[in-house]
Protein backbone atom coordinates (compact mmCIF):
# COMPACT_ATOMS: atom_id res chain seq x y z
CA MET A 1 0.00 0.00 0.00
CA ALA A 2 2.90 2.37 -0.51
CA ILE A 3 2.22 5.58 -2.40
CA SER A 4 4.86 7.01 -4.70
CA ILE A 5 5.32 10.56 -5.97
CA GLY A 6 3.32 11.15 -9.14
CA GLN A 7 0.99 8.19 -8.57
CA SER A 8 -2.68 8.86 -9.22
CA ALA A 9 -6.00 7.08 -9.38
CA SER A 10 -9.46 8.14 -10.48
CA ARG A 11 -13.06 6.92 -10.44
CA SER A 12 -16.14 8.31 -12.13
CA MET A 13 -19.84 7.57 -12.43
CA THR A 14 -22.91 9.17 -13.93
CA VAL A 15 -25.40 10.03 -11.20
CA THR A 16 -28.89 8.93 -12.20
CA GLY A 17 -32.26 9.44 -10.57
CA GLU A 18 -32.21 5.76 -9.63
CA ILE A 19 -28.88 6.15 -7.79
CA VAL A 20 -30.26 9.17 -5.90
CA LYS A 21 -33.38 7.18 -4.99
CA ARG A 22 -31.40 4.16 -3.81
CA TYR A 23 -29.06 6.36 -1.75
CA ALA A 24 -32.08 7.99 -0.10
CA GLU A 25 -33.55 4.58 0.70
CA LEU A 26 -30.27 3.53 2.34
CA THR A 27 -29.67 6.72 4.32
CA GLY A 28 -33.05 8.39 4.73
CA ASP A 29 -31.84 11.54 2.90
CA PHE A 30 -35.05 12.49 1.10
CA ASN A 31 -34.23 16.22 1.03
CA PRO A 32 -36.63 17.93 -1.43
CA LEU A 33 -33.55 19.21 -3.31
CA HIS A 34 -33.27 15.66 -4.62
CA PHE A 35 -36.95 14.82 -5.27
CA ASP A 36 -39.27 17.84 -5.46
CA ASP A 37 -39.10 19.67 -8.83
CA GLU A 38 -40.91 22.75 -7.56
CA PHE A 39 -38.78 23.05 -4.45
CA ALA A 40 -35.48 22.49 -6.26
CA ALA A 41 -36.39 25.04 -8.96
CA LYS A 42 -36.67 27.76 -6.30
CA THR A 43 -33.19 27.13 -4.88
CA ARG A 44 -29.85 28.51 -6.06
CA PHE A 45 -29.32 25.18 -7.85
CA GLY A 46 -32.44 25.55 -10.00
CA ARG A 47 -32.98 21.80 -10.35
CA PHE A 48 -32.36 18.46 -8.68
CA ILE A 49 -28.91 17.79 -7.25
CA SER A 50 -27.55 14.54 -5.90
CA GLN A 51 -26.83 13.96 -2.25
CA GLY A 52 -23.28 14.94 -1.29
CA GLY A 53 -22.76 11.50 0.18
CA ILE A 54 -22.77 9.98 -3.29
CA ALA A 55 -19.68 11.99 -4.27
CA VAL A 56 -18.08 11.29 -0.89
CA GLY A 57 -18.75 7.57 -1.38
CA LEU A 58 -16.89 7.70 -4.67
CA VAL A 59 -13.88 9.22 -2.89
CA HIS A 60 -14.10 6.52 -0.20
CA ALA A 61 -14.05 3.80 -2.87
CA LEU A 62 -11.11 5.47 -4.60
CA VAL A 63 -9.02 5.54 -1.43
CA ALA A 64 -10.15 2.16 -0.07
CA MET A 65 -9.75 0.24 -3.31
CA ASP A 66 -7.39 2.10 -5.64
CA MET A 67 -4.93 4.31 -3.81
CA PRO A 68 -3.46 3.48 -1.50
CA GLY A 69 -5.66 0.37 -1.73
CA ALA A 70 -7.67 -2.35 -0.04
CA GLY A 71 -7.82 -2.02 3.72
CA THR A 72 -7.37 1.75 3.80
CA VAL A 73 -9.84 3.73 5.90
CA PHE A 74 -10.33 7.41 6.67
CA THR A 75 -9.78 8.42 10.29
CA GLU A 76 -10.71 12.05 9.68
CA GLN A 77 -12.33 13.99 6.85
CA HIS A 78 -13.53 17.47 5.99
CA TRP A 79 -15.53 18.12 2.83
CA ASN A 80 -16.18 21.32 0.93
CA PHE A 81 -18.64 20.88 -1.92
CA ALA A 82 -17.60 23.63 -4.32
CA VAL A 83 -20.16 22.66 -6.98
CA PRO A 84 -23.20 20.37 -6.98
CA VAL A 85 -23.50 17.17 -8.97
CA TYR A 86 -26.70 17.40 -10.98
CA ILE A 87 -28.71 14.34 -11.98
CA GLY A 88 -27.31 13.01 -15.24
CA GLU A 89 -23.86 14.47 -14.71
CA SER A 90 -20.70 12.47 -14.30
CA GLY A 91 -18.92 12.90 -11.00
CA ARG A 92 -15.21 12.28 -11.12
CA ASN A 93 -12.82 12.12 -8.22
CA GLN A 94 -9.10 11.96 -8.54
CA HIS A 95 -6.57 11.28 -5.83
CA ARG A 96 -2.91 12.33 -6.03
């Protein structure tokens, strides 16, 4: 599980309405930003966005499986979501 200078790994996925629904069923995050057209349209986002945990989960998979690799866990994290991931967009996370 050694990391070397210049090493990188990436993962990506397209967030669909089905993924958002399944995430909500697992976590209970049924925020209207993810499910209510009228509500979401009145926010600064203007339309549905995915739950932040979906993007975070992609980062977790990247670290735990790709770099440094299997068996790795976070002991501390701080997230800043600079932009939303809209339904139908591809989220990509890269680790260096």
